[in-house]
Each structure stands twice: as C-alpha cells, then as structure tokens.
N, C-alpha and C. Protein backbone atom coordinates (compact mmCIF):
# COMPACT_ATOMS: atom_id res chain seq x y z
N MET A 1 155.80 131.79 111.51
CA MET A 1 155.42 131.02 112.68
C MET A 1 154.40 131.80 113.49
N PHE A 2 153.38 131.11 113.97
CA PHE A 2 152.33 131.75 114.76
C PHE A 2 152.71 131.76 116.24
N GLN A 3 152.29 132.80 116.93
CA GLN A 3 152.58 132.95 118.36
C GLN A 3 151.46 132.33 119.20
N SER A 4 151.79 131.96 120.43
CA SER A 4 150.78 131.45 121.37
C SER A 4 149.70 132.51 121.55
N GLY A 5 148.47 132.05 121.62
CA GLY A 5 147.34 132.97 121.79
C GLY A 5 146.74 133.45 120.49
N THR A 6 147.40 133.17 119.37
CA THR A 6 146.92 133.58 118.05
C THR A 6 145.78 132.66 117.61
N TYR A 7 144.77 133.24 117.00
CA TYR A 7 143.69 132.46 116.40
C TYR A 7 144.01 132.25 114.93
N VAL A 8 143.83 131.02 114.47
CA VAL A 8 144.10 130.68 113.08
C VAL A 8 142.92 129.91 112.51
N VAL A 9 142.76 130.01 111.19
CA VAL A 9 141.83 129.14 110.48
C VAL A 9 142.68 127.97 110.03
N TYR A 10 142.32 126.78 110.51
CA TYR A 10 143.12 125.59 110.24
C TYR A 10 142.39 124.69 109.25
N GLY A 11 142.72 124.87 107.98
CA GLY A 11 142.09 124.07 106.93
C GLY A 11 140.57 124.13 107.02
N CYS A 12 139.95 123.01 106.73
CA CYS A 12 138.49 122.92 106.79
C CYS A 12 138.00 122.64 108.20
N LYS A 13 138.90 122.63 109.15
CA LYS A 13 138.54 122.27 110.52
C LYS A 13 138.11 123.47 111.36
N GLY A 14 138.14 124.64 110.80
CA GLY A 14 137.64 125.81 111.50
C GLY A 14 138.71 126.59 112.25
N VAL A 15 138.24 127.43 113.17
CA VAL A 15 139.12 128.33 113.90
C VAL A 15 139.71 127.62 115.12
N HIS A 16 141.01 127.78 115.29
CA HIS A 16 141.73 127.19 116.41
C HIS A 16 142.58 128.27 117.08
N LYS A 17 142.83 128.06 118.36
CA LYS A 17 143.71 128.95 119.11
C LYS A 17 145.04 128.23 119.30
N ILE A 18 146.14 128.90 118.97
CA ILE A 18 147.47 128.34 119.16
C ILE A 18 147.80 128.42 120.66
N LEU A 19 148.06 127.27 121.26
CA LEU A 19 148.41 127.22 122.68
C LEU A 19 149.92 127.23 122.89
N GLY A 20 150.65 126.82 121.87
CA GLY A 20 152.11 126.77 121.97
C GLY A 20 152.66 125.80 120.95
N THR A 21 153.91 125.39 121.16
CA THR A 21 154.54 124.40 120.28
C THR A 21 155.13 123.30 121.15
N THR A 22 155.33 122.15 120.53
CA THR A 22 155.91 121.01 121.24
C THR A 22 156.57 120.07 120.24
N ARG A 23 157.34 119.16 120.77
CA ARG A 23 157.87 118.06 119.98
C ARG A 23 157.15 116.81 120.47
N LEU A 24 156.64 116.03 119.55
CA LEU A 24 155.88 114.84 119.92
C LEU A 24 156.82 113.66 120.15
N ASN A 25 156.58 112.96 121.22
CA ASN A 25 157.38 111.79 121.54
C ASN A 25 156.57 110.54 121.19
N LEU A 26 156.35 110.35 119.90
CA LEU A 26 155.58 109.21 119.41
C LEU A 26 156.41 108.42 118.42
N GLU A 27 156.22 107.13 118.45
CA GLU A 27 156.97 106.27 117.54
C GLU A 27 156.59 106.59 116.09
N GLY A 28 157.61 106.64 115.25
CA GLY A 28 157.38 106.90 113.83
C GLY A 28 157.36 108.37 113.46
N ILE A 29 157.44 109.24 114.46
CA ILE A 29 157.44 110.69 114.21
C ILE A 29 158.82 111.23 114.58
N PRO A 30 159.45 111.98 113.68
CA PRO A 30 160.79 112.52 113.99
C PRO A 30 160.77 113.34 115.28
N LYS A 31 161.75 113.11 116.12
CA LYS A 31 161.82 113.78 117.43
C LYS A 31 162.19 115.26 117.32
N ASP A 32 162.77 115.65 116.18
CA ASP A 32 163.20 117.04 116.02
C ASP A 32 162.14 117.92 115.36
N LYS A 33 161.01 117.34 115.00
CA LYS A 33 159.96 118.09 114.31
C LYS A 33 159.06 118.79 115.34
N GLU A 34 158.83 120.08 115.11
CA GLU A 34 158.04 120.88 116.03
C GLU A 34 156.59 120.97 115.55
N TYR A 35 155.66 120.93 116.50
CA TYR A 35 154.23 120.97 116.20
C TYR A 35 153.54 122.08 116.98
N TYR A 36 152.56 122.71 116.34
CA TYR A 36 151.69 123.62 117.06
C TYR A 36 150.74 122.78 117.90
N VAL A 37 150.48 123.24 119.11
CA VAL A 37 149.43 122.66 119.94
C VAL A 37 148.28 123.65 119.86
N MET A 38 147.15 123.17 119.34
CA MET A 38 146.02 124.07 119.12
C MET A 38 144.76 123.53 119.79
N GLN A 39 143.82 124.43 120.01
CA GLN A 39 142.54 124.07 120.58
C GLN A 39 141.46 124.62 119.66
N ALA A 40 140.54 123.75 119.25
CA ALA A 40 139.45 124.18 118.39
C ALA A 40 138.52 125.09 119.18
N VAL A 41 138.11 126.19 118.58
CA VAL A 41 137.19 127.12 119.24
C VAL A 41 135.84 126.44 119.45
N LYS A 42 135.42 125.67 118.46
CA LYS A 42 134.11 125.01 118.53
C LYS A 42 134.08 123.87 119.54
N LYS A 43 135.20 123.15 119.67
CA LYS A 43 135.29 122.02 120.59
C LYS A 43 136.57 122.17 121.42
N PRO A 44 136.53 122.99 122.48
CA PRO A 44 137.76 123.29 123.22
C PRO A 44 138.25 122.19 124.16
N ASP A 45 137.62 121.03 124.14
CA ASP A 45 137.97 119.97 125.09
C ASP A 45 139.00 118.98 124.54
N GLY A 46 139.92 119.44 123.74
CA GLY A 46 140.95 118.55 123.21
C GLY A 46 142.07 119.37 122.61
N ALA A 47 143.06 118.66 122.12
CA ALA A 47 144.20 119.33 121.49
C ALA A 47 144.38 118.81 120.07
N VAL A 48 144.80 119.70 119.20
CA VAL A 48 145.10 119.37 117.81
C VAL A 48 146.56 119.71 117.59
N TYR A 49 147.27 118.84 116.89
CA TYR A 49 148.69 119.07 116.60
C TYR A 49 148.87 119.25 115.10
N ALA A 50 149.61 120.27 114.73
CA ALA A 50 149.90 120.53 113.31
C ALA A 50 151.37 120.89 113.18
N PRO A 51 152.05 120.31 112.19
CA PRO A 51 153.47 120.62 112.01
C PRO A 51 153.71 122.11 111.75
N VAL A 52 154.69 122.66 112.43
CA VAL A 52 155.05 124.07 112.25
C VAL A 52 155.55 124.29 110.82
N GLU A 53 156.31 123.36 110.30
CA GLU A 53 156.92 123.50 108.98
C GLU A 53 156.08 122.89 107.86
N ALA A 54 154.80 122.69 108.08
CA ALA A 54 153.96 122.04 107.06
C ALA A 54 153.69 122.99 105.90
N SER A 55 154.06 122.56 104.71
CA SER A 55 153.81 123.39 103.53
C SER A 55 152.45 123.07 102.92
N LYS A 56 151.93 121.89 103.18
CA LYS A 56 150.65 121.48 102.60
C LYS A 56 149.46 121.88 103.45
N THR A 57 149.70 122.27 104.69
CA THR A 57 148.62 122.62 105.59
C THR A 57 148.10 124.01 105.27
N ASN A 58 146.80 124.11 105.12
CA ASN A 58 146.16 125.39 104.84
C ASN A 58 145.85 126.04 106.19
N MET A 59 146.74 126.91 106.66
CA MET A 59 146.56 127.58 107.94
C MET A 59 146.89 129.05 107.76
N ARG A 60 146.01 129.89 108.28
CA ARG A 60 146.24 131.32 108.18
C ARG A 60 145.67 132.01 109.42
N SER A 61 146.14 133.20 109.70
CA SER A 61 145.60 133.99 110.81
C SER A 61 144.18 134.40 110.49
N VAL A 62 143.35 134.53 111.53
CA VAL A 62 142.00 135.03 111.30
C VAL A 62 142.09 136.49 110.88
N MET A 63 141.04 136.98 110.28
CA MET A 63 141.01 138.38 109.85
C MET A 63 141.12 139.31 111.05
N THR A 64 141.70 140.47 110.82
CA THR A 64 141.69 141.52 111.83
C THR A 64 140.29 142.13 111.83
N ARG A 65 140.00 142.95 112.83
CA ARG A 65 138.70 143.63 112.88
C ARG A 65 138.48 144.45 111.60
N GLU A 66 139.51 145.17 111.18
CA GLU A 66 139.40 146.01 109.99
C GLU A 66 139.14 145.17 108.74
N GLN A 67 139.86 144.06 108.62
CA GLN A 67 139.65 143.18 107.48
C GLN A 67 138.23 142.60 107.49
N ALA A 68 137.74 142.24 108.67
CA ALA A 68 136.39 141.68 108.79
C ALA A 68 135.34 142.72 108.40
N GLU A 69 135.53 143.96 108.85
CA GLU A 69 134.58 145.02 108.50
C GLU A 69 134.61 145.30 107.00
N THR A 70 135.80 145.30 106.40
CA THR A 70 135.92 145.49 104.96
C THR A 70 135.25 144.35 104.21
N PHE A 71 135.46 143.13 104.70
CA PHE A 71 134.84 141.95 104.08
C PHE A 71 133.32 142.07 104.12
N LEU A 72 132.77 142.43 105.27
CA LEU A 72 131.31 142.56 105.38
C LEU A 72 130.80 143.66 104.45
N GLY A 73 131.54 144.75 104.34
CA GLY A 73 131.14 145.83 103.44
C GLY A 73 131.10 145.40 101.99
N ALA A 74 131.95 144.45 101.63
CA ALA A 74 132.01 143.95 100.24
C ALA A 74 131.13 142.72 100.02
N ALA A 75 130.51 142.21 101.07
CA ALA A 75 129.75 140.95 100.98
C ALA A 75 128.63 141.00 99.94
N GLY A 76 128.03 142.16 99.76
CA GLY A 76 126.96 142.28 98.77
C GLY A 76 127.44 142.12 97.34
N HIS A 77 128.74 142.29 97.12
CA HIS A 77 129.31 142.17 95.78
C HIS A 77 129.84 140.77 95.48
N ILE A 78 129.78 139.90 96.49
CA ILE A 78 130.21 138.51 96.29
C ILE A 78 128.97 137.72 95.87
N HIS A 79 129.06 137.07 94.73
CA HIS A 79 127.89 136.40 94.16
C HIS A 79 127.94 134.89 94.36
N ALA A 80 126.76 134.29 94.29
CA ALA A 80 126.66 132.84 94.35
C ALA A 80 127.35 132.23 93.14
N LEU A 81 127.70 130.97 93.26
CA LEU A 81 128.34 130.26 92.16
C LEU A 81 127.34 130.00 91.04
N THR A 82 127.80 130.02 89.82
CA THR A 82 126.98 129.66 88.67
C THR A 82 127.42 128.26 88.24
N CYS A 83 126.53 127.30 88.42
CA CYS A 83 126.85 125.91 88.12
C CYS A 83 125.78 125.34 87.20
N ASN A 84 126.22 124.64 86.17
CA ASN A 84 125.29 124.07 85.20
C ASN A 84 124.76 122.70 85.60
N THR A 85 125.51 121.99 86.42
CA THR A 85 125.08 120.64 86.83
C THR A 85 125.28 120.47 88.33
N PRO A 86 124.54 119.53 88.93
CA PRO A 86 124.74 119.26 90.36
C PRO A 86 126.18 118.84 90.68
N LYS A 87 126.78 118.07 89.79
CA LYS A 87 128.17 117.62 89.99
C LYS A 87 129.12 118.82 89.99
N GLN A 88 128.89 119.76 89.09
CA GLN A 88 129.73 120.96 89.02
C GLN A 88 129.57 121.79 90.30
N ARG A 89 128.33 121.89 90.80
CA ARG A 89 128.08 122.64 92.03
C ARG A 89 128.81 121.96 93.20
N GLU A 90 128.74 120.64 93.25
CA GLU A 90 129.41 119.89 94.32
C GLU A 90 130.92 120.13 94.29
N GLU A 91 131.51 120.02 93.11
CA GLU A 91 132.96 120.22 92.99
C GLU A 91 133.36 121.65 93.34
N ASN A 92 132.59 122.62 92.87
CA ASN A 92 132.89 124.02 93.16
C ASN A 92 132.78 124.31 94.66
N CYS A 93 131.75 123.77 95.30
CA CYS A 93 131.58 123.98 96.74
C CYS A 93 132.73 123.34 97.52
N LYS A 94 133.08 122.11 97.17
CA LYS A 94 134.19 121.43 97.85
C LYS A 94 135.49 122.23 97.73
N GLU A 95 135.76 122.69 96.51
CA GLU A 95 136.98 123.45 96.24
C GLU A 95 137.03 124.73 97.07
N ARG A 96 135.92 125.43 97.15
CA ARG A 96 135.88 126.70 97.87
C ARG A 96 135.97 126.49 99.39
N ILE A 97 135.33 125.46 99.88
CA ILE A 97 135.43 125.17 101.31
C ILE A 97 136.87 124.79 101.66
N LYS A 98 137.49 124.01 100.81
CA LYS A 98 138.87 123.59 101.05
C LYS A 98 139.82 124.79 101.08
N SER A 99 139.53 125.82 100.29
CA SER A 99 140.38 127.01 100.26
C SER A 99 140.31 127.81 101.56
N CYS A 100 139.18 127.75 102.24
CA CYS A 100 138.93 128.48 103.49
C CYS A 100 139.02 130.00 103.33
N ALA A 101 139.01 130.49 102.11
CA ALA A 101 139.03 131.94 101.88
C ALA A 101 137.64 132.50 102.20
N PRO A 102 137.57 133.58 102.95
CA PRO A 102 136.27 134.12 103.35
C PRO A 102 135.31 134.38 102.18
N ASP A 103 135.81 134.97 101.09
CA ASP A 103 134.92 135.24 99.96
C ASP A 103 134.42 133.95 99.32
N ALA A 104 135.26 132.92 99.27
CA ALA A 104 134.85 131.63 98.71
C ALA A 104 133.81 130.96 99.60
N LEU A 105 133.98 131.08 100.92
CA LEU A 105 133.01 130.50 101.85
C LEU A 105 131.66 131.20 101.72
N LEU A 106 131.69 132.53 101.56
CA LEU A 106 130.44 133.26 101.38
C LEU A 106 129.76 132.87 100.07
N GLN A 107 130.54 132.60 99.04
CA GLN A 107 129.97 132.13 97.78
C GLN A 107 129.20 130.83 97.99
N VAL A 108 129.77 129.92 98.76
CA VAL A 108 129.10 128.65 99.05
C VAL A 108 127.80 128.90 99.80
N ILE A 109 127.86 129.75 100.81
CA ILE A 109 126.66 130.06 101.60
C ILE A 109 125.57 130.65 100.71
N LYS A 110 125.93 131.62 99.88
CA LYS A 110 124.94 132.23 98.98
C LYS A 110 124.39 131.23 97.98
N THR A 111 125.24 130.35 97.48
CA THR A 111 124.81 129.34 96.51
C THR A 111 123.78 128.42 97.14
N VAL A 112 124.05 127.96 98.35
CA VAL A 112 123.12 127.04 99.01
C VAL A 112 121.84 127.76 99.42
N MET A 113 121.94 129.02 99.81
CA MET A 113 120.73 129.79 100.14
C MET A 113 119.83 129.93 98.91
N GLU A 114 120.44 130.23 97.77
CA GLU A 114 119.65 130.32 96.53
C GLU A 114 119.02 128.98 96.19
N ARG A 115 119.79 127.93 96.38
CA ARG A 115 119.29 126.58 96.10
C ARG A 115 118.14 126.23 97.03
N ARG A 116 118.24 126.61 98.30
CA ARG A 116 117.16 126.36 99.27
C ARG A 116 115.87 127.04 98.81
N GLU A 117 115.99 128.30 98.37
CA GLU A 117 114.81 129.03 97.89
C GLU A 117 114.22 128.36 96.65
N GLU A 118 115.08 127.96 95.73
CA GLU A 118 114.65 127.31 94.49
C GLU A 118 113.92 126.01 94.80
N ARG A 119 114.47 125.21 95.69
CA ARG A 119 113.85 123.92 96.03
C ARG A 119 112.56 124.13 96.81
N ALA A 120 112.49 125.16 97.63
CA ALA A 120 111.27 125.45 98.39
C ALA A 120 110.13 125.81 97.43
N ARG A 121 110.45 126.55 96.36
CA ARG A 121 109.43 126.88 95.36
C ARG A 121 108.89 125.63 94.68
N GLN A 122 109.74 124.59 94.61
CA GLN A 122 109.33 123.33 94.00
C GLN A 122 108.69 122.39 95.01
N GLY A 123 108.57 122.85 96.25
CA GLY A 123 107.99 122.02 97.30
C GLY A 123 108.94 120.96 97.82
N LYS A 124 110.24 121.19 97.64
CA LYS A 124 111.26 120.21 98.06
C LYS A 124 112.13 120.80 99.16
N LYS A 125 112.76 119.89 99.89
CA LYS A 125 113.71 120.30 100.92
C LYS A 125 115.12 120.33 100.34
N LEU A 126 116.00 120.96 101.07
CA LEU A 126 117.41 121.02 100.69
C LEU A 126 118.02 119.63 100.85
N THR A 127 118.92 119.26 99.95
CA THR A 127 119.56 117.95 100.03
C THR A 127 120.55 117.91 101.20
N LEU A 128 120.86 116.72 101.67
CA LEU A 128 121.82 116.56 102.76
C LEU A 128 123.19 117.11 102.38
N LEU A 129 123.59 116.90 101.14
CA LEU A 129 124.88 117.39 100.68
C LEU A 129 124.93 118.92 100.73
N ASP A 130 123.86 119.56 100.27
CA ASP A 130 123.81 121.03 100.32
C ASP A 130 123.84 121.52 101.77
N MET A 131 123.10 120.84 102.65
CA MET A 131 123.10 121.22 104.06
C MET A 131 124.51 121.08 104.65
N HIS A 132 125.20 120.02 104.26
CA HIS A 132 126.57 119.79 104.74
C HIS A 132 127.49 120.92 104.28
N PHE A 133 127.40 121.30 103.01
CA PHE A 133 128.23 122.40 102.50
C PHE A 133 127.93 123.69 103.25
N MET A 134 126.66 123.97 103.47
CA MET A 134 126.25 125.19 104.16
C MET A 134 126.81 125.20 105.59
N GLU A 135 126.66 124.09 106.30
CA GLU A 135 127.16 124.02 107.67
C GLU A 135 128.67 124.21 107.74
N GLN A 136 129.39 123.56 106.84
CA GLN A 136 130.85 123.70 106.83
C GLN A 136 131.27 125.14 106.58
N ALA A 137 130.71 125.75 105.55
CA ALA A 137 131.07 127.12 105.19
C ALA A 137 130.69 128.10 106.30
N GLU A 138 129.49 127.93 106.86
CA GLU A 138 129.05 128.82 107.94
C GLU A 138 129.93 128.66 109.17
N ASP A 139 130.23 127.42 109.54
CA ASP A 139 131.06 127.20 110.73
C ASP A 139 132.40 127.92 110.62
N ILE A 140 133.07 127.75 109.51
CA ILE A 140 134.39 128.36 109.35
C ILE A 140 134.29 129.88 109.29
N LEU A 141 133.42 130.40 108.42
CA LEU A 141 133.33 131.85 108.22
C LEU A 141 132.76 132.56 109.45
N TYR A 142 131.68 132.04 110.01
CA TYR A 142 131.04 132.71 111.14
C TYR A 142 131.91 132.68 112.39
N GLU A 143 132.64 131.58 112.62
CA GLU A 143 133.58 131.53 113.76
C GLU A 143 134.66 132.59 113.60
N GLU A 144 135.20 132.67 112.39
CA GLU A 144 136.27 133.64 112.14
C GLU A 144 135.78 135.07 112.35
N LEU A 145 134.63 135.39 111.79
CA LEU A 145 134.10 136.75 111.94
C LEU A 145 133.73 137.05 113.39
N ALA A 146 133.20 136.07 114.11
CA ALA A 146 132.84 136.27 115.52
C ALA A 146 134.08 136.64 116.34
N ILE A 147 135.18 135.95 116.08
CA ILE A 147 136.42 136.25 116.81
C ILE A 147 136.99 137.59 116.37
N SER A 148 137.00 137.85 115.07
CA SER A 148 137.56 139.10 114.54
C SER A 148 136.81 140.32 115.04
N LEU A 149 135.49 140.20 115.14
CA LEU A 149 134.65 141.33 115.53
C LEU A 149 134.27 141.33 117.01
N SER A 150 134.69 140.29 117.74
CA SER A 150 134.35 140.13 119.17
C SER A 150 132.85 140.17 119.41
N ILE A 151 132.12 139.40 118.59
CA ILE A 151 130.66 139.30 118.74
C ILE A 151 130.27 137.82 118.71
N SER A 152 129.01 137.55 118.99
CA SER A 152 128.54 136.16 118.98
C SER A 152 128.29 135.68 117.56
N ARG A 153 128.19 134.38 117.42
CA ARG A 153 127.90 133.79 116.11
C ARG A 153 126.54 134.27 115.60
N GLY A 154 125.57 134.38 116.48
CA GLY A 154 124.25 134.87 116.09
C GLY A 154 124.30 136.28 115.51
N GLU A 155 125.11 137.12 116.13
CA GLU A 155 125.28 138.48 115.62
C GLU A 155 125.96 138.47 114.26
N VAL A 156 126.89 137.55 114.07
CA VAL A 156 127.56 137.42 112.76
C VAL A 156 126.53 137.05 111.70
N GLU A 157 125.67 136.09 112.01
CA GLU A 157 124.64 135.67 111.05
C GLU A 157 123.76 136.85 110.64
N GLU A 158 123.39 137.67 111.61
CA GLU A 158 122.56 138.84 111.31
C GLU A 158 123.32 139.84 110.42
N LYS A 159 124.59 140.06 110.72
CA LYS A 159 125.40 140.97 109.91
C LYS A 159 125.54 140.45 108.48
N ILE A 160 125.77 139.16 108.33
CA ILE A 160 125.90 138.56 106.99
C ILE A 160 124.60 138.76 106.22
N LYS A 161 123.47 138.50 106.86
CA LYS A 161 122.17 138.68 106.19
C LYS A 161 121.98 140.13 105.77
N ALA A 162 122.36 141.06 106.64
CA ALA A 162 122.18 142.48 106.34
C ALA A 162 123.10 142.95 105.22
N TYR A 163 124.35 142.53 105.26
CA TYR A 163 125.33 143.00 104.27
C TYR A 163 125.28 142.24 102.96
N ALA A 164 124.96 140.95 103.02
CA ALA A 164 125.09 140.10 101.83
C ALA A 164 123.91 140.19 100.88
N SER A 165 122.82 140.74 101.32
CA SER A 165 121.65 140.78 100.43
C SER A 165 121.69 141.92 99.45
C-alpha cells in the first residue's frame, strides 16, 4: 500500500501523487472497497481514483534519486527497437508504453528518434502515430525522472540527450 505524499507511475497515465485513501459512495461500487485518491502531476486540477487492492492496475513508486542516476548512466546501453514492419513497430511501442518500465519507455523514445532522422533524410515528416508514441513515452519517463532528480522536465530532456547518445 502506498502512503500519502508518495509519487507513483499510474499505468500509461503518468506520474501521480497519492493524496490519501477513501471509500466511494457511488451506486454500483462496493462500499467496503478502498480507493487511492491521486492527483496527476501534469494536470493537478482534478482527482483520480484507483482501487487499493487492484491487481490489474499497473502502479509503481517512482524511481529514487539513486535509481534515476543509475538509469541515466545505463541509458547509452539501451537500444532502439528493431522492427521489420510498421505494424510490428506499432505493437512493440504500444506494449512498451503499457509496461511503463523506464528502459522500455526509453526504447520507444530512441526508436522514434531514429525514425524521425530516417524520415527527414527522405524529406518526410514523422507520422502522427510515431509522434503520439514519442509524446506518451516522454511524458511518463521525463515526469518520473524530473521528480526523482528534483529537476525540471527541460533539464531531464538535456540529461537524456547527453546520456542516451
């Protein structure tokens, strides 16, 4: 169980702060079921509720500072995905974003960056789907690293560029 004030990565929805727990008084929802009350870091003007006992929910604590520094140090060894077809790339990116694992998110970012360079050489722009994958992966990973390292998202982007190349 997570404590109030803890930052968590909540599925593909990004980083959230646990504000506490509550029981929801809504029709059709068991009155004895406890829910986390969370606030999205990116959009702090609302509340998100997630079951405390949810086994299917992908929720984990954000990295510690030490874990984040270790991750950045290893970022250069994390490679882009090797995909033979656009469909395979799409499925691989979806799967990795859904996992919310930092190394998997960085793989997506590197894959789309390589694809951007490849398409630029052909005089083409990045596809909307690739841009969507990049934004999702960056939002989750960069928010987590910003909180773990107590720095801005812009500083995280610079660190990723420096370490990942």
